[in-house]
Protein backbone atom coordinates (compact mmCIF):
# COMPACT_ATOMS: atom_id res chain seq x y z
CA UNK A 1 0.00 0.00 0.00
CA UNK A 2 2.77 2.42 0.93
CA UNK A 3 4.75 1.53 -2.16
CA UNK A 4 1.68 2.01 -4.35
CA UNK A 5 0.92 5.38 -2.79
CA UNK A 6 4.54 6.40 -3.25
CA UNK A 7 4.42 5.46 -6.92
CA UNK A 8 1.20 7.42 -7.41
CA UNK A 9 2.71 10.47 -5.73
CA UNK A 10 5.82 10.24 -7.88
CA UNK A 11 3.66 9.99 -10.99
CA UNK A 12 1.68 13.08 -9.98
CA UNK A 13 4.91 14.98 -9.51
CA UNK A 14 6.22 13.85 -12.89
CA UNK A 15 3.03 15.02 -14.59
CA UNK A 16 3.07 18.38 -12.79
CA UNK A 17 4.15 21.32 -14.99
CA UNK A 18 7.43 22.99 -14.09
CA UNK A 19 5.75 26.25 -13.09
CA UNK A 20 3.68 24.47 -10.46
CA UNK A 21 6.71 22.53 -9.19
CA UNK A 22 8.45 25.84 -8.52
CA UNK A 23 5.66 26.87 -6.15
CA UNK A 24 5.33 23.45 -4.50
CA UNK A 25 9.04 22.78 -3.97
CA UNK A 26 9.99 23.23 -0.29
CA UNK A 27 11.67 26.59 0.36
CA UNK A 28 13.43 27.90 3.46
CA UNK A 29 14.49 31.31 4.73
CA UNK A 30 17.93 32.22 6.03
CA UNK A 31 18.05 30.74 9.56
CA UNK A 32 18.22 33.16 12.48
CA UNK A 33 20.43 31.91 15.33
CA UNK A 34 20.54 32.61 19.06
CA UNK A 35 23.41 34.90 20.05
CA UNK A 36 24.23 32.98 23.26
CA UNK A 37 23.19 29.55 21.95
CA UNK A 38 24.33 29.50 18.30
CA UNK A 39 23.31 25.88 17.76
CA UNK A 40 19.68 26.94 18.09
CA UNK A 41 18.09 28.42 14.96
CA UNK A 42 14.72 29.55 13.63
CA UNK A 43 13.62 29.58 10.00
CA UNK A 44 10.52 29.77 7.80
CA UNK A 45 9.51 26.99 5.41
CA UNK A 46 6.57 25.98 3.23
CA UNK A 47 7.28 22.26 3.74
CA UNK A 48 3.68 21.53 4.79
CA UNK A 49 2.19 23.62 1.99
CA UNK A 50 1.84 26.67 4.23
CA UNK A 51 4.64 29.00 5.32
CA UNK A 52 5.30 28.41 9.03
CA UNK A 53 8.09 28.80 11.61
CA UNK A 54 10.50 25.94 12.36
CA UNK A 55 12.99 25.40 15.20
CA UNK A 56 16.29 23.73 14.35
CA UNK A 57 18.74 22.28 16.86
CA UNK A 58 21.98 22.17 14.90
CA UNK A 59 23.71 20.03 17.52
CA UNK A 60 21.24 17.16 17.09
CA UNK A 61 19.93 17.98 13.61
CA UNK A 62 16.36 17.92 14.92
CA UNK A 63 13.84 20.22 13.25
CA UNK A 64 10.29 20.77 14.42
CA UNK A 65 7.37 22.89 13.28
CA UNK A 66 6.65 25.71 15.75
CA UNK A 67 3.46 27.27 14.39
CA UNK A 68 0.50 25.75 12.59
CA UNK A 69 -2.19 28.18 11.45
CA UNK A 70 -4.55 27.99 8.45
CA UNK A 71 -3.15 31.16 6.83
CA UNK A 72 0.47 30.64 7.85
CA UNK A 73 3.03 32.44 10.03
CA UNK A 74 6.27 34.18 9.07
CA UNK A 75 6.93 36.75 11.81
CA UNK A 76 9.09 35.15 14.49
CA UNK A 77 12.13 35.98 16.63
CA UNK A 78 14.46 33.69 18.58
CA UNK A 79 15.55 34.98 21.98
CA UNK A 80 19.33 35.52 22.41
CA UNK A 81 19.54 32.73 25.00
CA UNK A 82 17.78 30.34 22.62
CA UNK A 83 15.12 29.52 25.19
CA UNK A 84 12.07 31.13 23.55
CA UNK A 85 10.53 31.64 20.14
CA UNK A 86 8.36 34.74 19.85
CA UNK A 87 5.80 34.80 17.05
CA UNK A 88 3.16 37.29 15.99
CA UNK A 89 -0.43 36.08 16.17
CA UNK A 90 -2.82 38.00 13.90
CA UNK A 91 -6.19 37.01 12.47
CA UNK A 92 -6.18 35.60 8.94
CA UNK A 93 -3.46 37.91 7.67
CA UNK A 94 -4.83 41.23 8.96
CA UNK A 95 -1.47 42.02 10.70
CA UNK A 96 -3.31 43.14 13.85
CA UNK A 97 -2.56 40.96 16.85
CA UNK A 98 -0.31 40.11 19.80
CA UNK A 99 3.05 38.46 20.38
CA UNK A 100 3.08 34.92 21.74
CA UNK A 101 6.01 32.76 22.71
CA UNK A 102 6.83 29.07 22.85
CA UNK A 103 9.75 27.20 24.45
CA UNK A 104 12.41 26.25 21.90
CA UNK A 105 12.04 22.56 22.81
CA UNK A 106 8.28 22.78 22.29
CA UNK A 107 5.28 23.20 24.51
CA UNK A 108 2.19 25.38 24.81
CA UNK A 109 2.16 28.95 23.56
CA UNK A 110 1.73 31.72 26.09
CA UNK A 111 1.20 35.50 25.88
CA UNK A 112 4.66 37.01 25.40
CA UNK A 113 3.74 40.53 26.47
CA UNK A 114 0.79 40.34 28.87
CA UNK A 115 -0.84 43.71 29.37
CA UNK A 116 -0.33 44.93 25.81
CA UNK A 117 -3.49 44.90 23.73
CA UNK A 118 -3.63 43.86 20.08
CA UNK A 119 -1.98 46.23 17.60
CA UNK A 120 0.05 46.36 14.42
CA UNK A 121 3.67 45.42 15.16
CA UNK A 122 6.28 48.20 15.22
CA UNK A 123 9.47 46.30 15.93
CA UNK A 124 10.73 43.91 18.58
CA UNK A 125 14.05 43.49 20.40
CA UNK A 126 14.75 40.74 22.94
CA UNK A 127 17.24 40.97 25.80
CA UNK A 128 20.01 38.53 26.65
CA UNK A 129 18.73 38.12 30.22
CA UNK A 130 15.81 35.99 28.99
CA UNK A 131 13.20 38.19 30.65
CA UNK A 132 13.38 41.58 28.90
CA UNK A 133 11.84 42.70 25.61
CA UNK A 134 11.24 45.99 23.86
CA UNK A 135 7.92 45.86 22.01
CA UNK A 136 6.73 48.39 19.43
CA UNK A 137 3.06 48.69 18.60
CA UNK A 138 0.91 50.87 16.36
CA UNK A 139 -2.81 51.56 16.25
CA UNK A 140 -4.98 53.77 14.08
CA UNK A 141 -6.16 55.84 17.04
CA UNK A 142 -2.99 56.26 19.09
CA UNK A 143 -0.04 56.22 16.68
CA UNK A 144 3.10 54.39 17.80
CA UNK A 145 4.13 53.40 21.30
CA UNK A 146 7.15 51.43 22.54
CA UNK A 147 7.12 49.43 25.75
CA UNK A 148 9.66 47.77 28.02
CA UNK A 149 8.34 44.33 28.93
CA UNK A 150 9.85 42.24 31.74
CA UNK A 151 8.59 38.83 32.81
CA UNK A 152 6.34 39.11 35.84
CA UNK A 153 6.01 42.90 35.62
CA UNK A 154 3.57 45.29 34.00
CA UNK A 155 4.74 46.75 30.64
CA UNK A 156 6.26 50.23 30.90
CA UNK A 157 5.69 52.74 28.11
CA UNK A 158 8.98 54.42 27.14
CA UNK A 159 7.97 56.18 23.90
CA UNK A 160 4.83 57.46 22.21
CA UNK A 161 4.18 59.66 19.18
CA UNK A 162 1.42 60.18 16.62
CA UNK A 163 3.82 59.70 13.71
CA UNK A 164 5.24 56.31 12.78
CA UNK A 165 8.21 54.89 14.69
CA UNK A 166 9.72 51.52 15.50
CA UNK A 167 12.09 49.58 17.73
CA UNK A 168 15.61 49.62 16.32
CA UNK A 169 17.65 47.48 18.72
CA UNK A 170 18.49 46.73 22.35
CA UNK A 171 22.13 46.96 23.42
CA UNK A 172 24.07 43.86 24.42
CA UNK A 173 23.74 44.58 28.15
CA UNK A 174 20.15 45.84 27.89
CA UNK A 175 20.96 49.36 29.05
CA UNK A 176 20.25 51.20 25.77
CA UNK A 177 17.35 51.14 23.33
CA UNK A 178 17.59 52.53 19.78
CA UNK A 179 14.38 53.95 18.27
CA UNK A 180 13.72 54.92 14.66
CA UNK A 181 11.17 57.75 14.49
CA UNK A 182 9.56 60.15 12.02
CA UNK A 183 8.41 62.87 14.40
CA UNK A 184 9.35 65.42 11.71
CA UNK A 185 6.54 64.01 9.55
CA UNK A 186 8.54 62.38 6.73
CA UNK A 187 7.87 58.64 6.87
CA UNK A 188 10.50 57.93 4.20
CA UNK A 189 13.41 59.38 6.22
CA UNK A 190 13.75 58.29 9.83
CA UNK A 191 15.75 59.95 12.60
CA UNK A 192 17.28 58.03 15.53
CA UNK A 193 16.99 58.37 19.28
CA UNK A 194 18.70 56.26 21.91
CA UNK A 195 16.89 56.01 25.25
CA UNK A 196 17.51 54.33 28.56
CA UNK A 197 15.11 51.68 29.91
CA UNK A 198 13.20 54.38 31.80
CA UNK A 199 12.57 56.26 28.53
CA UNK A 200 14.98 59.16 29.14
CA UNK A 201 16.90 60.19 26.03
CA UNK A 202 20.67 59.66 25.84
CA UNK A 203 21.50 60.60 22.24
CA UNK A 204 19.93 61.87 19.01
CA UNK A 205 20.95 61.53 15.37
CA UNK A 206 18.85 63.37 12.83
CA UNK A 207 19.80 63.95 9.19
CA UNK A 208 16.43 65.49 8.33
CA UNK A 209 17.41 68.93 9.66
CA UNK A 210 19.66 71.70 8.45
CA UNK A 211 19.89 70.77 4.78
CA UNK A 212 18.03 71.43 1.57
CA UNK A 213 16.99 67.78 1.40
CA UNK A 214 15.94 65.38 4.11
CA UNK A 215 18.11 62.28 4.51
CA UNK A 216 17.22 59.03 6.20
CA UNK A 217 18.85 56.95 8.92
CA UNK A 218 18.28 53.35 9.97
CA UNK A 219 19.39 51.20 12.88
CA UNK A 220 21.59 48.27 11.85
CA UNK A 221 22.37 47.05 15.36
CA UNK A 222 24.32 47.61 18.57
CA UNK A 223 27.80 46.08 18.83
CA UNK A 224 27.51 42.51 20.21
CA UNK A 225 29.92 43.18 23.08
CA UNK A 226 29.14 43.77 26.77
CA UNK A 227 29.45 47.44 27.70
CA UNK A 228 29.98 48.53 24.08
CA UNK A 229 28.03 51.67 23.19
CA UNK A 230 28.68 51.58 19.43
CA UNK A 231 25.61 51.53 17.21
CA UNK A 232 25.84 50.57 13.53
CA UNK A 233 23.75 53.01 11.50
CA UNK A 234 22.74 53.27 7.85
CA UNK A 235 22.83 56.77 6.33
CA UNK A 236 22.25 58.53 2.98
CA UNK A 237 24.73 61.41 3.22
CA UNK A 238 26.44 60.56 -0.06
CA UNK A 239 23.25 59.87 -1.99
CA UNK A 240 22.96 56.16 -1.24
CA UNK A 241 22.67 53.86 1.77
CA UNK A 242 25.99 53.31 3.57
CA UNK A 243 27.00 52.32 7.12
CA UNK A 244 28.67 54.34 9.85
CA UNK A 245 29.53 53.54 13.47
CA UNK A 246 28.05 55.90 16.06
CA UNK A 247 29.23 55.77 19.65
CA UNK A 248 26.07 56.88 21.41
CA UNK A 249 27.91 57.60 24.67
CA UNK A 250 30.50 59.99 23.18
CA UNK A 251 28.61 61.09 20.02
CA UNK A 252 31.68 60.10 17.95
CA UNK A 253 30.84 59.04 14.39
CA UNK A 254 33.15 56.81 12.37
CA UNK A 255 32.39 57.15 8.68
CA UNK A 256 33.07 54.10 6.51
CA UNK A 257 33.66 55.38 2.99
CA UNK A 258 33.84 52.00 1.29
CA UNK A 259 33.98 53.31 -2.29
CA UNK A 260 31.33 50.88 -3.50
CA UNK A 261 28.98 52.22 -6.21
CA UNK A 262 25.64 50.93 -4.94
CA UNK A 263 23.72 50.70 -1.68
CA UNK A 264 25.65 49.19 1.21
CA UNK A 265 24.14 47.40 4.20
CA UNK A 266 26.02 45.89 7.12
CA UNK A 267 25.82 43.82 10.27
CA UNK A 268 28.32 43.03 13.02
CA UNK A 269 30.54 39.99 13.13
CA UNK A 270 29.83 38.23 16.44
CA UNK A 271 33.08 39.43 18.09
CA UNK A 272 32.47 43.07 17.17
CA UNK A 273 35.80 43.48 15.32
CA UNK A 274 34.38 43.58 11.81
CA UNK A 275 31.31 44.11 9.67
CA UNK A 276 29.62 41.84 7.16
CA UNK A 277 28.91 44.11 4.19
CA UNK A 278 26.08 43.49 1.72
CA UNK A 279 26.63 45.53 -1.44
CA UNK A 280 23.69 45.89 -3.86
CA UNK A 281 24.29 47.39 -7.29
CA UNK A 282 22.29 47.23 -10.52
CA UNK A 283 19.99 44.39 -9.41
CA UNK A 284 22.75 42.14 -8.05
CA UNK A 285 24.56 41.84 -4.75
CA UNK A 286 27.82 40.66 -3.20
CA UNK A 287 29.38 40.25 0.26
CA UNK A 288 32.49 41.67 1.94
CA UNK A 289 34.13 41.60 5.36
CA UNK A 290 35.26 44.98 6.66
CA UNK A 291 37.89 44.99 9.42
CA UNK A 292 37.23 47.94 11.73
CA UNK A 293 40.82 48.18 13.02
CA UNK A 294 42.64 48.16 9.68
CA UNK A 295 39.89 49.45 7.38
CA UNK A 296 40.54 46.50 5.07
CA UNK A 297 37.69 45.38 2.81
CA UNK A 298 37.88 41.71 1.82
CA UNK A 299 35.45 40.08 -0.58
CA UNK A 300 33.42 37.10 0.62
CA UNK A 301 33.05 34.79 -2.40
CA UNK A 302 29.48 34.25 -3.63
CA UNK A 303 28.16 33.23 -7.08
CA UNK A 304 26.85 35.94 -9.43
CA UNK A 305 23.23 36.74 -8.60
CA UNK A 306 21.47 38.12 -5.54
CA UNK A 307 22.04 37.65 -1.82
CA UNK A 308 18.74 38.32 -0.05
CA UNK A 309 20.10 37.78 3.45
CA UNK A 310 23.42 37.00 5.15
CA UNK A 311 24.73 36.40 8.66
CA UNK A 312 28.18 35.85 10.15
CA UNK A 313 28.51 32.85 12.48
CA UNK A 314 30.71 32.65 15.62
CA UNK A 315 33.32 30.55 13.76
CA UNK A 316 33.78 33.34 11.19
CA UNK A 317 31.88 31.60 8.41
CA UNK A 318 29.07 33.38 6.60
CA UNK A 319 25.69 31.89 5.75
CA UNK A 320 23.63 33.52 3.03
CA UNK A 321 20.44 33.05 1.05
CA UNK A 322 21.34 33.17 -2.64
CA UNK A 323 19.58 32.80 -5.98
CA UNK A 324 19.62 34.04 -9.55
CA UNK A 325 16.82 34.32 -12.10
CA UNK A 326 17.92 30.97 -13.52
CA UNK A 327 18.69 29.09 -10.29
CA UNK A 328 16.37 28.55 -7.29
CA UNK A 329 17.26 29.92 -3.87
CA UNK A 330 19.54 28.05 -1.50
CA UNK A 331 21.00 28.73 1.95
CA UNK A 332 24.74 28.44 1.46
CA UNK A 333 27.84 28.84 3.61
CA UNK A 334 31.33 30.07 2.87
CA UNK A 335 32.44 26.66 4.17
CA UNK A 336 31.15 25.30 0.86
CA UNK A 337 28.15 23.55 2.39
CA UNK A 338 24.46 23.94 1.67
CA UNK A 339 23.17 24.90 5.10
CA UNK A 340 19.55 23.82 4.67
CA UNK A 341 18.45 21.45 1.92
CA UNK A 342 14.79 20.57 2.45
CA UNK A 343 13.86 17.07 1.32
CA UNK A 344 11.28 16.36 -1.35
CA UNK A 345 10.48 18.00 -4.67
CA UNK A 346 13.27 20.11 -6.15
CA UNK A 347 12.40 23.31 -7.94
CA UNK A 348 13.17 23.45 -11.66
CA UNK A 349 15.29 26.37 -12.79
CA UNK A 350 14.30 29.04 -15.28
CA UNK A 351 15.95 31.22 -17.93
CA UNK A 352 18.55 33.84 -17.04
CA UNK A 353 17.72 37.51 -16.96
CA UNK A 354 19.03 40.06 -19.48
CA UNK A 355 19.82 43.65 -18.49
CA UNK A 356 18.39 46.53 -20.50
CA UNK A 357 19.04 50.25 -19.97
CA UNK A 358 16.50 52.61 -21.49
CA UNK A 359 16.65 56.44 -21.63
CA UNK A 360 13.81 57.92 -19.60
CA UNK A 361 12.42 61.29 -18.53
CA UNK A 362 14.27 61.09 -15.20
CA UNK A 363 17.42 59.28 -16.29
CA UNK A 364 18.44 55.81 -17.42
CA UNK A 365 15.92 53.11 -16.48
CA UNK A 366 17.10 49.61 -15.64
CA UNK A 367 14.86 46.76 -16.80
CA UNK A 368 15.28 43.00 -16.46
CA UNK A 369 14.08 40.82 -19.34
CA UNK A 370 13.36 37.09 -19.55
CA UNK A 371 12.04 35.23 -22.57
CA UNK A 372 11.57 31.58 -23.54
CA UNK A 373 14.82 29.91 -24.60
CA UNK A 374 15.35 30.26 -28.32
CA UNK A 375 12.29 32.44 -28.83
CA UNK A 376 12.36 35.36 -31.24
CA UNK A 377 10.04 38.33 -31.17
CA UNK A 378 7.71 39.88 -31.33
CA UNK A 379 6.35 37.96 -28.32
CA UNK A 380 3.35 38.39 -26.07
CA UNK A 381 4.97 40.32 -23.24
CA UNK A 382 4.19 40.70 -19.56
CA UNK A 383 5.28 43.86 -17.75
CA UNK A 384 5.51 42.51 -14.19
CA UNK A 385 5.73 45.58 -11.92
CA UNK A 386 7.25 45.27 -8.45
CA UNK A 387 5.62 46.46 -5.25
CA UNK A 388 6.96 48.77 -2.60
CA UNK A 389 7.31 51.28 -4.15
CA UNK A 390 10.61 51.44 -2.27
CA UNK A 391 11.82 48.05 -3.48
CA UNK A 392 13.42 46.73 -6.65
CA UNK A 393 13.50 43.72 -8.91
CA UNK A 394 16.80 41.85 -9.00
CA UNK A 395 18.58 38.94 -10.61
CA UNK A 396 16.93 36.53 -8.21
CA UNK A 397 14.66 33.53 -8.57
CA UNK A 398 10.94 34.26 -8.83
CA UNK A 399 8.35 31.60 -9.56
CA UNK A 400 5.77 34.06 -10.93
CA UNK A 401 7.77 35.45 -13.86
CA UNK A 402 9.11 31.95 -14.59
CA UNK A 403 5.50 30.71 -14.97
CA UNK A 404 4.81 33.34 -17.64
CA UNK A 405 8.01 32.38 -19.48
CA UNK A 406 6.97 28.71 -19.42
CA UNK A 407 3.76 29.72 -21.19
CA UNK A 408 5.55 31.49 -24.02
CA UNK A 409 5.60 35.08 -22.74
CA UNK A 410 8.50 37.45 -22.48
CA UNK A 411 8.66 39.11 -19.06
CA UNK A 412 9.92 42.65 -18.47
CA UNK A 413 10.49 44.01 -14.96
CA UNK A 414 11.15 47.72 -14.58
CA UNK A 415 13.02 49.41 -11.73
CA UNK A 416 11.14 52.68 -12.14
CA UNK A 417 11.82 55.91 -10.24
CA UNK A 418 10.92 55.11 -6.65
CA UNK A 419 12.87 51.84 -6.71
CA UNK A 420 15.72 51.24 -4.28
CA UNK A 421 19.28 50.37 -5.27
CA UNK A 422 19.90 53.29 -7.66
CA UNK A 423 20.58 56.09 -5.22
CA UNK A 424 18.49 58.30 -2.96
CA UNK A 425 17.41 60.73 -5.71
CA UNK A 426 15.96 57.87 -7.78
CA UNK A 427 14.06 56.50 -4.79
CA UNK A 428 12.73 59.88 -3.65
CA UNK A 429 11.75 61.11 -7.12
CA UNK A 430 8.10 60.05 -7.06
CA UNK A 431 6.83 62.46 -4.40
CA UNK A 432 3.57 64.33 -5.13
CA UNK A 433 3.07 62.93 -8.68
CA UNK A 434 2.72 59.48 -7.20
CA UNK A 435 2.07 56.69 -9.69
CA UNK A 436 2.32 58.96 -12.70
CA UNK A 437 6.11 59.21 -12.51
CA UNK A 438 6.55 55.43 -12.31
CA UNK A 439 4.25 54.97 -15.31
CA UNK A 440 6.36 57.40 -17.36
CA UNK A 441 9.34 55.09 -16.87
CA UNK A 442 7.28 51.98 -17.61
CA UNK A 443 6.03 53.63 -20.82
CA UNK A 444 9.61 54.37 -21.91
CA UNK A 445 10.58 50.72 -21.43
CA UNK A 446 7.39 49.62 -23.19
CA UNK A 447 8.37 51.71 -26.23
CA UNK A 448 11.82 50.11 -26.21
CA UNK A 449 10.31 46.62 -26.00
CA UNK A 450 8.21 47.27 -29.12
CA UNK A 451 10.84 49.03 -31.23
CA UNK A 452 13.48 46.44 -30.34
CA UNK A 453 11.27 43.68 -31.71
CA UNK A 454 10.87 41.92 -28.38
CA UNK A 455 7.21 42.70 -27.71
CA UNK A 456 4.06 42.33 -29.78
CA UNK A 457 2.29 45.70 -29.28
CA UNK A 458 -1.12 44.02 -29.55
CA UNK A 459 -0.35 41.50 -26.77
CA UNK A 460 1.01 43.52 -23.88
CA UNK A 461 -0.01 42.66 -20.32
CA UNK A 462 0.44 45.03 -17.39
CA UNK A 463 0.51 43.22 -14.05
CA UNK A 464 1.83 43.45 -10.51
CA UNK A 465 1.01 43.02 -6.85
CA UNK A 466 0.52 45.61 -4.11
CA UNK A 467 2.12 48.84 -5.45
CA UNK A 468 2.58 46.96 -8.71
CA UNK A 469 -1.15 46.23 -8.69
CA UNK A 470 -1.82 49.91 -8.05
CA UNK A 471 0.36 50.91 -11.01
CA UNK A 472 -1.45 48.31 -13.13
CA UNK A 473 -4.88 49.86 -12.52
CA UNK A 474 -3.53 53.39 -12.83
CA UNK A 475 -1.76 52.48 -16.06
CA UNK A 476 -4.86 50.91 -17.59
CA UNK A 477 -6.73 54.17 -17.01
CA UNK A 478 -4.03 56.70 -17.93
CA UNK A 479 -2.55 54.69 -20.82
CA UNK A 480 -5.71 52.94 -22.12
CA UNK A 481 -4.37 52.26 -25.63
CA UNK A 482 -1.04 50.87 -24.45
CA UNK A 483 -2.16 47.62 -22.83
CA UNK A 484 -4.17 44.65 -24.05
CA UNK A 485 -4.79 43.28 -20.57
CA UNK A 486 -4.37 44.15 -16.90
CA UNK A 487 -3.91 41.80 -13.95
CA UNK A 488 -3.75 43.50 -10.54
CA UNK A 489 -3.14 41.66 -7.26
CA UNK A 490 -3.93 43.29 -3.88
CA UNK A 491 -3.94 46.78 -5.47
CA UNK A 492 -4.68 50.32 -4.39
CA UNK A 493 -7.71 51.08 -6.56
CA UNK A 494 -9.42 54.04 -4.84
CA UNK A 495 -6.64 56.05 -3.18
CA UNK A 496 -8.85 58.20 -0.94
CA UNK A 497 -10.77 55.27 0.54
CA UNK A 498 -7.56 53.24 0.79
CA UNK A 499 -5.99 56.03 2.84
CA UNK A 500 -8.86 56.13 5.31
CA UNK A 501 -9.01 52.33 5.71
CA UNK A 502 -5.34 51.33 5.71
CA UNK A 503 -3.07 50.71 8.72
CA UNK A 504 -1.58 53.79 10.38
CA UNK A 505 2.01 53.25 9.20
CA UNK A 506 0.84 53.38 5.59
CA UNK A 507 -1.19 56.53 6.24
CA UNK A 508 2.08 58.14 7.33
CA UNK A 509 3.80 56.96 4.17
CA UNK A 510 1.00 58.32 1.97
CA UNK A 511 1.11 61.69 3.75
CA UNK A 512 4.81 61.80 2.92
CA UNK A 513 4.41 60.73 -0.70
CA UNK A 514 1.51 63.02 -1.50
CA UNK A 515 2.30 65.89 0.84
CA UNK A 516 -0.74 65.59 3.09
CA UNK A 517 -4.10 63.90 3.61
CA UNK A 518 -6.92 63.65 1.04
CA UNK A 519 -8.54 66.64 2.75
CA UNK A 520 -5.33 68.70 2.58
CA UNK A 521 -4.21 67.88 -1.00
CA UNK A 522 -7.34 66.50 -2.71
CA UNK A 523 -6.03 67.30 -6.20
CA UNK A 524 -2.97 65.08 -5.70
CA UNK A 525 -4.99 62.12 -4.44
CA UNK A 526 -7.37 62.54 -7.35
CA UNK A 527 -4.55 62.69 -9.91
CA UNK A 528 -2.91 59.58 -8.45
CA UNK A 529 -6.02 57.43 -7.91
CA UNK A 530 -6.94 54.67 -10.39
CA UNK A 531 -10.61 55.37 -9.61
CA UNK A 532 -10.26 58.78 -11.30
CA UNK A 533 -9.53 57.11 -14.65
CA UNK A 534 -11.66 53.97 -14.39
CA UNK A 535 -14.05 55.12 -17.14
CA UNK A 536 -11.13 55.33 -19.60
CA UNK A 537 -10.12 51.68 -19.10
CA UNK A 538 -10.47 49.68 -22.33
CA UNK A 539 -8.56 46.46 -21.59
CA UNK A 540 -10.04 43.48 -19.73
CA UNK A 541 -9.14 43.69 -16.04
CA UNK A 542 -8.49 40.90 -13.55
CA UNK A 543 -8.25 41.80 -9.85
CA UNK A 544 -7.43 39.57 -6.88
CA UNK A 545 -7.70 40.84 -3.31
CA UNK A 546 -7.45 39.55 0.24
CA UNK A 547 -10.56 40.34 2.26
CA UNK A 548 -8.47 40.95 5.44
CA UNK A 549 -5.82 43.13 3.80
CA UNK A 550 -4.80 46.08 6.06
CA UNK A 551 -2.50 47.57 3.40
CA UNK A 552 -4.79 47.65 0.37
CA UNK A 553 -8.18 47.19 2.06
CA UNK A 554 -11.06 45.45 0.34
CA UNK A 555 -13.61 48.32 0.47
CA UNK A 556 -11.61 50.51 -1.90
CA UNK A 557 -11.21 47.57 -4.31
CA UNK A 558 -14.98 47.06 -4.25
CA UNK A 559 -15.51 50.76 -5.06
CA UNK A 560 -13.39 50.39 -8.19
CA UNK A 561 -15.09 47.15 -9.24
CA UNK A 562 -18.54 48.73 -8.90
CA UNK A 563 -17.48 51.43 -11.35
CA UNK A 564 -16.31 48.78 -13.82
CA UNK A 565 -19.62 46.97 -13.40
CA UNK A 566 -21.65 50.14 -13.94
CA UNK A 567 -20.24 50.61 -17.41
CA UNK A 568 -20.18 46.94 -18.38
CA UNK A 569 -16.38 46.79 -18.59
CA UNK A 570 -14.82 43.37 -19.06
CA UNK A 571 -13.43 42.31 -15.71
CA UNK A 572 -13.11 39.46 -13.23
CA UNK A 573 -12.57 39.68 -9.48
CA UNK A 574 -11.23 37.01 -7.14
CA UNK A 575 -11.50 37.57 -3.38
CA UNK A 576 -9.81 35.21 -0.94
CA UNK A 577 -9.69 34.82 2.83
CA UNK A 578 -6.28 36.26 3.69
CA UNK A 579 -4.44 39.54 4.03
CA UNK A 580 -1.88 41.19 1.76
CA UNK A 581 -1.22 38.02 -0.24
CA UNK A 582 -1.38 34.37 0.78
CA UNK A 583 1.10 32.15 2.63
CA UNK A 584 -0.70 28.99 1.46
CA UNK A 585 0.93 27.28 -1.53
CA UNK A 586 -2.30 25.82 -2.95
CA UNK A 587 -3.93 29.26 -2.81
CA UNK A 588 -1.01 30.90 -4.59
CA UNK A 589 -1.06 28.22 -7.31
CA UNK A 590 -4.80 28.73 -7.73
CA UNK A 591 -4.26 32.45 -8.21
CA UNK A 592 -1.53 31.93 -10.83
CA UNK A 593 -3.75 29.48 -12.71
CA UNK A 594 -6.57 32.04 -12.74
CA UNK A 595 -4.21 34.74 -14.05
CA UNK A 596 -2.77 32.51 -16.78
CA UNK A 597 -6.25 31.42 -17.82
CA UNK A 598 -7.52 35.00 -17.92
CA UNK A 599 -4.63 35.98 -20.18
CA UNK A 600 -5.11 32.99 -22.47
CA UNK A 601 -8.83 33.65 -22.90
CA UNK A 602 -8.44 37.33 -23.70
CA UNK A 603 -5.21 37.33 -25.72
CA UNK A 604 -5.83 34.18 -27.69
């Protein structure tokens, strides 16, 4: 019986198309490890068909599933002593909930921060003493608050402000807390404050004052050494993200001018003598070790492609999550080993990505192109637009674009103005004319795709999720003759209603992007809202939306759909019981099948 069932399962796998195998193949995140118990790790995997948290004892090799919820769980933190796993418990993906914790060895869950009511999360830092945590929370009515939580004691509020903020880090000895805040009202550029456990301020670092342009700062972490008051900080003073070391006790800043052309992130090596540098440039990334005493920068060998996460281990080795457009992701080590290799179905690869640079109204636009092997144009072409907007597409493995390629489409991904990785000016360029600026860049790449012979102008699909879904609907209305089809996942469709219904942190971001609220700058919200142009839409429209989505709420999607219905426009809508996307593999496959089918029926 077992043998027969095994043969049947193997046959089903063999008959499964490659695009579906890519979604079903077990995937894992980069494991987090406990600072004082490095053999204990926490990672995320879809091994059961739903993304959940897993504990891994490296000493014994034992792995066990920590969470098991119908809509999945990905937000988890391992305490520095390795004793506890904290995880965020929301309702069906609405991102509004409480922290719970579970012993690393297993056992019942318990409230991790008793006394704190449900909220949106705004950062978390756990202390090395096993009983201290710094918990950030946000609500629509109260803004952001940060609390010191100690086992057996009532939570103590140490920070509160109406604007968005978050927990940065807790120092190694628990005596200092770094906070990222936007009290100046610009949610895209944070300032930093370091406070003591009683909430009194020790130090401030603010690059938003005194200059013609506001610059951002971010907390990268306190030095992992007892009594060390150095804080690793990301800054934008030279037009891109770079690290510096700030001694919060003396106010001394040590600038690290690494002479690398792209954005630079960093984290501490466990002994505090060096930094692990992640350098991102033109949709690819690489690793370096920077020695703080000598200033020497030494490359850490990784294959060409993208590193989406890296960590230095106590033995000096580096573990990193790597992939390219052609090769699926893997957790590798500089020791030469594959750190985590989940058993079962292996994901097929895809085709490599080609780089294209197109002149645009705001400068050169970088686009990534994939097409079926050996295919010549003009091809039906999918413009797959990334979310964010402060994000970027890279030479990394993505099952969605690979599915389109398998079905004979070329895929173009555009790092429009607003994308990260091309300097601060490129990222900040979309203020006030939100959506319209990004679409100018997409239109320039569209023109290139047609004139180069890649794309069939009569079979162009505009698609994307989240901000990419928003740009899809806005593009269908403002460029109605440019697109044959639109497929929007979890989009902003009615910007005014979305603003009033979305979570508070996104309200702050929209106030920054558009320069105010819908009541203060109504003309900007109107110009940037897909609902404004819905009557100009000519192409068939497919929309999918999570009914519990706090980022792109369902009511504003329904408003847009009603307008389509009122004029008899060709459209289909799929609503599902989750939040801003699904963590369930079967649900994601269902959605891709619906999108592929919609395209096939309407493009021929």
